């Protein structure tokens, strides 16, 4: 997946996601929704052959990029704690 900033304001960001993989996007959306500083999370998919999906995140406090980073770190921690039973 490749991320590129589309639009940025003080409290929101729109990020285009090329070759989006819902297996990774879904947990990210869930963790962002759980963040008390995040006021809005939207993932917009238009026609898959014409436009890349866009992730939109708005926050009431802090930077939206930091909220995305926190969510990604929580996902990483979750998967690093998984153990394979033999």
Protein backbone atom coordinates (compact mmCIF):
# COMPACT_ATOMS: atom_id res chain seq x y z
CA UNK A 1 0.00 0.00 0.00
CA UNK A 2 1.13 3.50 -0.74
CA UNK A 3 -0.13 6.53 1.21
CA UNK A 4 -0.12 10.11 -0.06
CA UNK A 5 -1.54 13.26 1.50
CA UNK A 6 -4.39 14.82 -0.45
CA UNK A 7 -5.46 17.62 1.86
CA UNK A 8 -4.39 18.79 5.30
CA UNK A 9 -5.74 21.32 7.77
CA UNK A 10 -4.90 22.01 11.40
CA UNK A 11 -7.25 19.30 12.68
CA UNK A 12 -7.91 17.01 9.70
CA UNK A 13 -6.16 15.09 6.97
CA UNK A 14 -7.19 13.28 3.79
CA UNK A 15 -4.90 10.48 2.68
CA UNK A 16 -5.11 8.61 -0.63
CA UNK A 17 -4.30 4.91 -0.32
CA UNK A 18 -3.02 3.18 -3.45
CA UNK A 19 -3.47 -0.61 -3.53
CA UNK A 20 -5.49 -0.52 -0.31
CA UNK A 21 -5.81 -3.81 1.55
CA UNK A 22 -8.94 -4.05 3.71
CA UNK A 23 -7.25 -6.63 5.94
CA UNK A 24 -5.04 -3.78 7.16
CA UNK A 25 -7.42 -0.85 6.71
CA UNK A 26 -10.25 -2.32 8.83
CA UNK A 27 -8.22 -2.60 12.07
CA UNK A 28 -6.84 0.89 11.45
CA UNK A 29 -10.36 2.30 11.14
CA UNK A 30 -11.42 0.48 14.30
CA UNK A 31 -8.49 1.78 16.36
CA UNK A 32 -9.00 5.32 15.07
CA UNK A 33 -12.67 5.12 16.07
CA UNK A 34 -11.65 4.13 19.60
CA UNK A 35 -9.36 7.17 20.01
CA UNK A 36 -11.05 9.78 22.21
CA UNK A 37 -9.28 12.62 20.37
CA UNK A 38 -10.59 11.53 16.96
CA UNK A 39 -13.88 13.19 16.04
CA UNK A 40 -14.38 11.76 12.57
CA UNK A 41 -13.06 8.78 10.61
CA UNK A 42 -14.19 8.09 7.08
CA UNK A 43 -12.93 5.69 4.46
CA UNK A 44 -14.30 6.44 1.01
CA UNK A 45 -14.07 3.97 -1.83
CA UNK A 46 -15.25 5.08 -5.21
CA UNK A 47 -14.94 3.09 -8.42
CA UNK A 48 -11.91 0.82 -7.83
CA UNK A 49 -10.58 1.18 -11.37
CA UNK A 50 -10.92 4.96 -11.50
CA UNK A 51 -9.91 6.30 -8.08
CA UNK A 52 -7.90 5.22 -5.07
CA UNK A 53 -9.72 5.12 -1.71
CA UNK A 54 -9.33 8.06 0.69
CA UNK A 55 -8.98 7.96 4.48
CA UNK A 56 -10.23 11.08 6.26
CA UNK A 57 -9.41 11.71 9.90
CA UNK A 58 -10.40 14.71 12.06
CA UNK A 59 -9.29 15.33 15.63
CA UNK A 60 -10.39 17.65 18.42
CA UNK A 61 -6.92 17.76 19.97
CA UNK A 62 -3.45 17.08 18.58
CA UNK A 63 -2.49 16.27 15.01
CA UNK A 64 -4.46 13.84 12.84
CA UNK A 65 -1.23 12.22 11.64
CA UNK A 66 -0.36 11.42 15.26
CA UNK A 67 -3.75 9.76 15.75
CA UNK A 68 -3.08 7.55 12.71
CA UNK A 69 0.38 6.71 14.05
CA UNK A 70 -1.04 5.80 17.49
CA UNK A 71 -3.65 3.55 15.88
CA UNK A 72 -0.99 1.80 13.77
CA UNK A 73 1.20 1.29 16.85
CA UNK A 74 -1.71 -0.26 18.80
CA UNK A 75 -2.37 -2.66 15.92
CA UNK A 76 1.30 -3.58 15.79
CA UNK A 77 1.35 -4.21 19.56
CA UNK A 78 -1.74 -6.43 19.29
CA UNK A 79 -0.18 -8.63 16.63
CA UNK A 80 3.22 -8.77 18.34
CA UNK A 81 1.52 -10.22 21.44
CA UNK A 82 -0.01 -13.10 19.50
CA UNK A 83 1.66 -16.43 20.07
CA UNK A 84 1.48 -19.53 17.94
CA UNK A 85 0.66 -22.64 19.97
CA UNK A 86 2.45 -25.80 18.97
